[in-house]
C-alpha atoms as a PDB file:
ATOM      1  CA  MET A   1      87.178  88.696 112.728  1.00  0.00           C
ATOM      2  CA  LEU A   2      90.058  91.160 113.906  1.00  0.00           C
ATOM      3  CA  ALA A   3      89.511  94.332 115.782  1.00  0.00           C
ATOM      4  CA  ILE A   4      92.259  96.876 115.028  1.00  0.00           C
ATOM      5  CA  ALA A   5      92.219  98.889 118.330  1.00  0.00           C
ATOM      6  CA  GLY A   6      94.156 101.251 120.335  1.00  0.00           C
ATOM      7  CA  GLY A   7      93.587 103.527 123.290  1.00  0.00           C
ATOM      8  CA  LYS A   8      94.596 106.873 121.785  1.00  0.00           C
ATOM      9  CA  GLY A   9      93.486 108.722 118.682  1.00  0.00           C
ATOM     10  CA  GLY A  10      96.071 109.294 115.944  1.00  0.00           C
ATOM     11  CA  CYS A  11      98.221 106.348 116.922  1.00  0.00           C
ATOM     12  CA  GLY A  12      97.849 104.787 113.503  1.00  0.00           C
ATOM     13  CA  LYS A  13      94.908 102.355 113.734  1.00  0.00           C
ATOM     14  CA  THR A  14      93.440 103.103 110.276  1.00  0.00           C
ATOM     15  CA  THR A  15      96.808 102.930 108.474  1.00  0.00           C
ATOM     16  CA  THR A  16      97.503  99.538 110.419  1.00  0.00           C
ATOM     17  CA  ALA A  17      94.054  98.273 109.463  1.00  0.00           C
ATOM     18  CA  VAL A  18      94.723  98.966 105.716  1.00  0.00           C
ATOM     19  CA  GLY A  19      98.346  97.789 105.780  1.00  0.00           C
ATOM     20  CA  LEU A  20      97.523  94.528 107.677  1.00  0.00           C
ATOM     21  CA  ALA A  21      94.723  93.881 105.227  1.00  0.00           C
ATOM     22  CA  ARG A  22      97.061  94.311 102.277  1.00  0.00           C
ATOM     23  CA  GLY A  23      99.539  92.003 103.915  1.00  0.00           C
ATOM     24  CA  LEU A  24      96.733  89.295 104.387  1.00  0.00           C
ATOM     25  CA  ALA A  25      95.717  89.859 100.692  1.00  0.00           C
ATOM     26  CA  SER A  26      99.241  89.005  99.582  1.00  0.00           C
ATOM     27  CA  LEU A  27      98.933  85.795 101.526  1.00  0.00           C
ATOM     28  CA  GLY A  28      96.049  84.827  99.219  1.00  0.00           C
ATOM     29  CA  THR A  29      92.970  86.233 100.988  1.00  0.00           C
ATOM     30  CA  ARG A  30      90.387  88.887 100.119  1.00  0.00           C
ATOM     31  CA  PRO A  31      90.060  90.983 103.342  1.00  0.00           C
ATOM     32  CA  LEU A  32      87.293  93.252 104.118  1.00  0.00           C
ATOM     33  CA  VAL A  33      88.017  96.378 106.181  1.00  0.00           C
ATOM     34  CA  VAL A  34      85.118  97.976 107.948  1.00  0.00           C
ATOM     35  CA  ASP A  35      85.223 101.456 109.511  1.00  0.00           C
ATOM     36  CA  ALA A  36      83.832 100.908 112.953  1.00  0.00           C
ATOM     37  CA  ASP A  37      84.785 104.509 114.141  1.00  0.00           C
ATOM     38  CA  LEU A  38      81.416 106.196 113.950  1.00  0.00           C
ATOM     39  CA  ASP A  39      82.540 109.564 115.307  1.00  0.00           C
ATOM     40  CA  MET A  40      85.880 110.072 113.357  1.00  0.00           C
ATOM     41  CA  PRO A  41      85.457 107.939 110.237  1.00  0.00           C
ATOM     42  CA  ASP A  42      88.657 108.062 108.105  1.00  0.00           C
ATOM     43  CA  LEU A  43      88.904 104.731 106.237  1.00  0.00           C
ATOM     44  CA  HIS A  44      87.226 106.175 103.041  1.00  0.00           C
ATOM     45  CA  HIS A  45      89.769 108.997 102.931  1.00  0.00           C
ATOM     46  CA  ARG A  46      92.777 106.705 103.430  1.00  0.00           C
ATOM     47  CA  THR A  47      91.661 104.318 100.736  1.00  0.00           C
ATOM     48  CA  GLY A  48      90.177 106.697  98.217  1.00  0.00           C
ATOM     49  CA  VAL A  49      86.703 105.171  98.198  1.00  0.00           C
ATOM     50  CA  ASP A  50      83.327 106.896  98.245  1.00  0.00           C
ATOM     51  CA  ARG A  51      81.693 107.573 101.662  1.00  0.00           C
ATOM     52  CA  GLN A  52      78.656 105.666 100.497  1.00  0.00           C
ATOM     53  CA  PRO A  53      77.411 102.923 100.573  1.00  0.00           C
ATOM     54  CA  GLY A  54      78.311 102.017 104.047  1.00  0.00           C
ATOM     55  CA  ILE A  55      77.346  99.950 107.096  1.00  0.00           C
ATOM     56  CA  ALA A  56      73.592 100.794 106.906  1.00  0.00           C
ATOM     57  CA  ALA A  57      73.366  99.633 103.252  1.00  0.00           C
ATOM     58  CA  ALA A  58      75.321  96.528 103.951  1.00  0.00           C
ATOM     59  CA  LEU A  59      73.032  95.640 106.902  1.00  0.00           C
ATOM     60  CA  ASP A  60      69.998  95.783 104.522  1.00  0.00           C
ATOM     61  CA  SER A  61      71.786  93.759 101.822  1.00  0.00           C
ATOM     62  CA  GLU A  62      71.284  90.006 101.304  1.00  0.00           C
ATOM     63  CA  ASP A  63      75.126  89.898 101.006  1.00  0.00           C
ATOM     64  CA  PRO A  64      76.753  92.461 103.204  1.00  0.00           C
ATOM     65  CA  ARG A  65      80.134  92.005 101.562  1.00  0.00           C
ATOM     66  CA  ALA A  66      78.780  92.650  98.199  1.00  0.00           C
ATOM     67  CA  VAL A  67      78.108  96.301  99.257  1.00  0.00           C
ATOM     68  CA  ALA A  68      81.759  96.907 100.045  1.00  0.00           C
ATOM     69  CA  GLN A  69      83.891  98.805  97.489  1.00  0.00           C
ATOM     70  CA  PRO A  70      87.326  97.539  96.083  1.00  0.00           C
ATOM     71  CA  GLY A  71      89.676  99.597  98.116  1.00  0.00           C
ATOM     72  CA  GLY A  72      90.359 102.507  95.651  1.00  0.00           C
ATOM     73  CA  ARG A  73      94.187 102.921  95.946  1.00  0.00           C
ATOM     74  CA  PHE A  74      94.378  99.455  97.226  1.00  0.00           C
ATOM     75  CA  PRO A  75      92.218  97.346  95.001  1.00  0.00           C
ATOM     76  CA  GLU A  76      93.446  94.065  96.572  1.00  0.00           C
ATOM     77  CA  ILE A  77      91.136  94.694  99.602  1.00  0.00           C
ATOM     78  CA  ASP A  78      87.431  95.621 100.058  1.00  0.00           C
ATOM     79  CA  VAL A  79      86.403  98.644 102.132  1.00  0.00           C
ATOM     80  CA  LEU A  80      83.119  99.346 103.894  1.00  0.00           C
ATOM     81  CA  PRO A  81      82.737 103.006 105.196  1.00  0.00           C
ATOM     82  CA  CYS A  82      80.525 103.590 108.260  1.00  0.00           C
ATOM     83  CA  ALA A  83      78.095 105.907 106.346  1.00  0.00           C
ATOM     84  CA  GLY A  84      74.530 105.714 107.785  1.00  0.00           C
ATOM     85  CA  ALA A  85      75.439 103.905 110.918  1.00  0.00           C
ATOM     86  CA  ASP A  86      74.517 104.333 114.511  1.00  0.00           C
ATOM     87  CA  THR A  87      75.852 102.147 117.359  1.00  0.00           C
ATOM     88  CA  ALA A  88      72.873  99.665 117.121  1.00  0.00           C
ATOM     89  CA  THR A  89      73.160  99.312 113.171  1.00  0.00           C
ATOM     90  CA  ALA A  90      77.032  98.793 113.454  1.00  0.00           C
ATOM     91  CA  ALA A  91      76.646  96.208 116.185  1.00  0.00           C
ATOM     92  CA  ALA A  92      74.010  94.319 114.084  1.00  0.00           C
ATOM     93  CA  LEU A  93      76.285  94.301 111.100  1.00  0.00           C
ATOM     94  CA  PHE A  94      79.352  93.219 112.930  1.00  0.00           C
ATOM     95  CA  GLU A  95      77.319  90.320 114.481  1.00  0.00           C
ATOM     96  CA  ARG A  96      76.080  89.325 111.034  1.00  0.00           C
ATOM     97  CA  LEU A  97      79.561  89.322 109.492  1.00  0.00           C
ATOM     98  CA  ALA A  98      80.816  87.253 112.351  1.00  0.00           C
ATOM     99  CA  ASP A  99      78.039  84.682 111.729  1.00  0.00           C
ATOM    100  CA  GLU A 100      78.310  84.735 107.979  1.00  0.00           C
ATOM    101  CA  GLY A 101      82.048  84.821 107.671  1.00  0.00           C
ATOM    102  CA  ARG A 102      83.775  83.367 104.644  1.00  0.00           C
ATOM    103  CA  PRO A 103      86.481  80.927 105.536  1.00  0.00           C
ATOM    104  CA  GLY A 104      89.930  82.499 104.502  1.00  0.00           C
ATOM    105  CA  ASP A 105      88.485  86.027 103.853  1.00  0.00           C
ATOM    106  CA  PRO A 106      89.158  87.850 106.984  1.00  0.00           C
ATOM    107  CA  VAL A 107      87.241  90.954 108.278  1.00  0.00           C
ATOM    108  CA  LEU A 108      89.026  93.817 109.930  1.00  0.00           C
ATOM    109  CA  LEU A 109      87.278  96.294 112.109  1.00  0.00           C
ATOM    110  CA  ASP A 110      88.910  99.735 112.311  1.00  0.00           C
ATOM    111  CA  CYS A 111      87.872 100.587 115.816  1.00  0.00           C
ATOM    112  CA  PRO A 112      87.383 103.914 117.574  1.00  0.00           C
ATOM    113  CA  ALA A 113      89.988 105.083 120.130  1.00  0.00           C
ATOM    114  CA  GLY A 114      89.509 104.720 123.919  1.00  0.00           C
ATOM    115  CA  ALA A 115      87.440 102.497 126.114  1.00  0.00           C
ATOM    116  CA  SER A 116      84.043 103.919 125.557  1.00  0.00           C
ATOM    117  CA  PRO A 117      80.901 101.874 125.067  1.00  0.00           C
ATOM    118  CA  ASP A 118      81.244 102.703 121.258  1.00  0.00           C
ATOM    119  CA  ALA A 119      84.712 101.201 121.346  1.00  0.00           C
ATOM    120  CA  ALA A 120      83.431  98.108 123.001  1.00  0.00           C
ATOM    121  CA  VAL A 121      80.980  97.357 120.012  1.00  0.00           C
ATOM    122  CA  PRO A 122      83.483  96.083 117.499  1.00  0.00           C
ATOM    123  CA  LEU A 123      85.653  94.370 120.206  1.00  0.00           C
ATOM    124  CA  ARG A 124      82.522  92.299 121.317  1.00  0.00           C
ATOM    125  CA  ALA A 125      82.109  91.062 117.778  1.00  0.00           C
ATOM    126  CA  ALA A 126      85.786  90.326 117.067  1.00  0.00           C
ATOM    127  CA  ASP A 127      87.560  87.026 117.695  1.00  0.00           C
ATOM    128  CA  ARG A 128      90.971  88.662 118.282  1.00  0.00           C
ATOM    129  CA  THR A 129      92.526  92.205 118.579  1.00  0.00           C
ATOM    130  CA  VAL A 130      95.616  93.721 117.071  1.00  0.00           C
ATOM    131  CA  LEU A 131      96.692  96.545 119.296  1.00  0.00           C
ATOM    132  CA  VAL A 132      98.220  99.698 117.854  1.00  0.00           C
ATOM    133  CA  SER A 133     100.308 102.202 119.778  1.00  0.00           C
ATOM    134  CA  THR A 134     103.185 104.614 119.549  1.00  0.00           C
ATOM    135  CA  PRO A 135     106.164 104.155 121.943  1.00  0.00           C
ATOM    136  CA  ARG A 136     105.017 107.123 124.057  1.00  0.00           C
ATOM    137  CA  GLU A 137     104.130 106.346 127.566  1.00  0.00           C
ATOM    138  CA  ARG A 138     100.562 107.755 127.487  1.00  0.00           C
ATOM    139  CA  SER A 139      99.718 105.982 124.321  1.00  0.00           C
ATOM    140  CA  LEU A 140     101.114 102.676 125.794  1.00  0.00           C
ATOM    141  CA  ARG A 141      99.027 103.233 128.995  1.00  0.00           C
ATOM    142  CA  ASP A 142      95.823 103.770 126.894  1.00  0.00           C
ATOM    143  CA  ALA A 143      96.615 100.716 124.836  1.00  0.00           C
ATOM    144  CA  ALA A 144      96.937  98.636 128.070  1.00  0.00           C
ATOM    145  CA  LYS A 145      93.479  99.691 128.917  1.00  0.00           C
ATOM    146  CA  THR A 146      92.225  98.626 125.588  1.00  0.00           C
ATOM    147  CA  ALA A 147      93.932  95.303 125.900  1.00  0.00           C
ATOM    148  CA  ALA A 148      92.164  94.760 129.151  1.00  0.00           C
ATOM    149  CA  MET A 149      88.827  95.580 127.658  1.00  0.00           C
ATOM    150  CA  ALA A 150      89.518  93.313 124.705  1.00  0.00           C
ATOM    151  CA  ARG A 151      90.236  90.403 126.940  1.00  0.00           C
ATOM    152  CA  GLU A 152      87.053  91.035 128.962  1.00  0.00           C
ATOM    153  CA  LEU A 153      85.034  91.013 125.787  1.00  0.00           C
ATOM    154  CA  GLU A 154      86.685  87.685 124.625  1.00  0.00           C
ATOM    155  CA  ALA A 155      88.815  89.281 121.816  1.00  0.00           C
ATOM    156  CA  PRO A 156      92.343  89.011 123.364  1.00  0.00           C
ATOM    157  CA  PRO A 157      95.175  90.669 121.797  1.00  0.00           C
ATOM    158  CA  VAL A 158      96.988  88.510 119.173  1.00  0.00           C
ATOM    159  CA  ALA A 159      99.612  91.045 118.109  1.00  0.00           C
ATOM    160  CA  VAL A 160     100.850  94.556 118.774  1.00  0.00           C
ATOM    161  CA  VAL A 161     101.895  97.164 116.130  1.00  0.00           C
ATOM    162  CA  LEU A 162     104.173  99.749 117.478  1.00  0.00           C
ATOM    163  CA  VAL A 163     104.040 102.851 115.256  1.00  0.00           C
ATOM    164  CA  ARG A 164     107.024 105.224 114.828  1.00  0.00           C
ATOM    165  CA  SER A 165     109.178 102.863 116.789  1.00  0.00           C
ATOM    166  CA  ASP A 166     112.926 102.460 116.653  1.00  0.00           C
ATOM    167  CA  GLY A 167     112.630  98.869 117.739  1.00  0.00           C
ATOM    168  CA  HIS A 168     114.247  99.368 121.196  1.00  0.00           C
ATOM    169  CA  LEU A 169     111.060  99.287 123.295  1.00  0.00           C
ATOM    170  CA  ASP A 170     109.320  95.908 123.975  1.00  0.00           C
ATOM    171  CA  PRO A 171     105.731  96.510 125.072  1.00  0.00           C
ATOM    172  CA  GLY A 172     104.861  92.807 125.140  1.00  0.00           C
ATOM    173  CA  GLU A 173     104.835  92.465 129.020  1.00  0.00           C
ATOM    174  CA  LEU A 174     102.755  95.636 129.531  1.00  0.00           C
ATOM    175  CA  LEU A 175     100.215  94.727 126.800  1.00  0.00           C
ATOM    176  CA  GLY A 176     100.306  90.964 127.567  1.00  0.00           C
ATOM    177  CA  CYS A 177     101.242  90.025 123.923  1.00  0.00           C
ATOM    178  CA  SER A 178     104.475  88.597 122.792  1.00  0.00           C
ATOM    179  CA  ALA A 179     103.932  89.178 118.981  1.00  0.00           C
ATOM    180  CA  VAL A 180     105.260  92.779 118.522  1.00  0.00           C
ATOM    181  CA  VAL A 181     105.812  94.416 115.137  1.00  0.00           C
ATOM    182  CA  HIS A 182     107.812  97.620 114.974  1.00  0.00           C
ATOM    183  CA  VAL A 183     106.897 100.220 112.190  1.00  0.00           C
ATOM    184  CA  PRO A 184     109.566 102.881 112.124  1.00  0.00           C
ATOM    185  CA  GLU A 185     109.174 106.515 111.434  1.00  0.00           C
ATOM    186  CA  LEU A 186     108.662 106.974 107.591  1.00  0.00           C
ATOM    187  CA  SER A 187     109.222 110.134 105.604  1.00  0.00           C
ATOM    188  CA  GLU A 188     106.918 109.103 102.809  1.00  0.00           C
ATOM    189  CA  PRO A 189     103.064 108.321 103.238  1.00  0.00           C
ATOM    190  CA  PRO A 190     103.353 105.074 105.192  1.00  0.00           C
ATOM    191  CA  LEU A 191     101.029 103.021 103.066  1.00  0.00           C
ATOM    192  CA  GLU A 192     103.265 103.801  99.942  1.00  0.00           C
ATOM    193  CA  THR A 193     106.503 102.433 101.237  1.00  0.00           C
ATOM    194  CA  GLN A 194     108.202  99.065 100.932  1.00  0.00           C
ATOM    195  CA  GLU A 195     109.211  99.239 104.543  1.00  0.00           C
ATOM    196  CA  SER A 196     105.643  99.690 105.630  1.00  0.00           C
ATOM    197  CA  ALA A 197     104.453  96.815 103.456  1.00  0.00           C
ATOM    198  CA  ALA A 198     107.240  94.553 104.756  1.00  0.00           C
ATOM    199  CA  ARG A 199     106.251  95.217 108.420  1.00  0.00           C
ATOM    200  CA  HIS A 200     102.502  94.816 107.814  1.00  0.00           C
ATOM    201  CA  LEU A 201     103.141  91.619 105.986  1.00  0.00           C
ATOM    202  CA  GLN A 202     105.158  90.413 109.133  1.00  0.00           C
ATOM    203  CA  CYS A 203     102.071  91.160 111.211  1.00  0.00           C
ATOM    204  CA  ALA A 204      99.877  89.382 108.728  1.00  0.00           C
ATOM    205  CA  LYS A 205     101.955  86.292 108.904  1.00  0.00           C
ATOM    206  CA  SER A 206     102.018  86.453 112.704  1.00  0.00           C
ATOM    207  CA  VAL A 207      98.214  86.793 112.841  1.00  0.00           C
ATOM    208  CA  THR A 208      97.697  83.928 110.295  1.00  0.00           C
ATOM    209  CA  LYS A 209      99.792  81.646 112.420  1.00  0.00           C
ATOM    210  CA  ARG A 210      97.369  82.055 115.170  1.00  0.00           C
ATOM    211  CA  ASN A 211      94.412  81.094 112.943  1.00  0.00           C
ATOM    212  CA  ILE A 212      92.536  84.374 112.881  1.00  0.00           C
END
């Protein structure tokens, strides 16, 4: 299970979660993306699926993954919004998904920003973390705090996605992760460009090499 996390809101976590899931799908898997941001859910908007059913319905189901919706604009992935969830419900579902994982079909948790207790919930369930940041100093500092929390919760960073990056900055040492993928500034909606798809596929291959 992968946590897609970053310290600052608006850095591109949801876009990265969907793009990475699509990259993993192109490698022959059927990823499930779960909206773990209970305060500012956006995954259903980005993918064009209904807000319901969500986490609460999945927890009540015999097969939580069966509740997920094919990803609307991106039918190669499954999407589970956070509808009906509080922190305890979300934590219970994440634990269940971790215990009942399907080999080869990854689960990606689109995490809330920051280092709050709510942000710790998906990190605690995940095996590894993909960090997302912009090249701005404040965003990188916040991402470093998220990286430290992820390590403490035994979900160490496996890759860094640097959004709106010209490729000149290497945050690997600051964030303690050598696998860095640069996604440049894009004039079109980022999930609809070949450049974005290529960069997220690069991240998917990097993550797959690390057996996540």
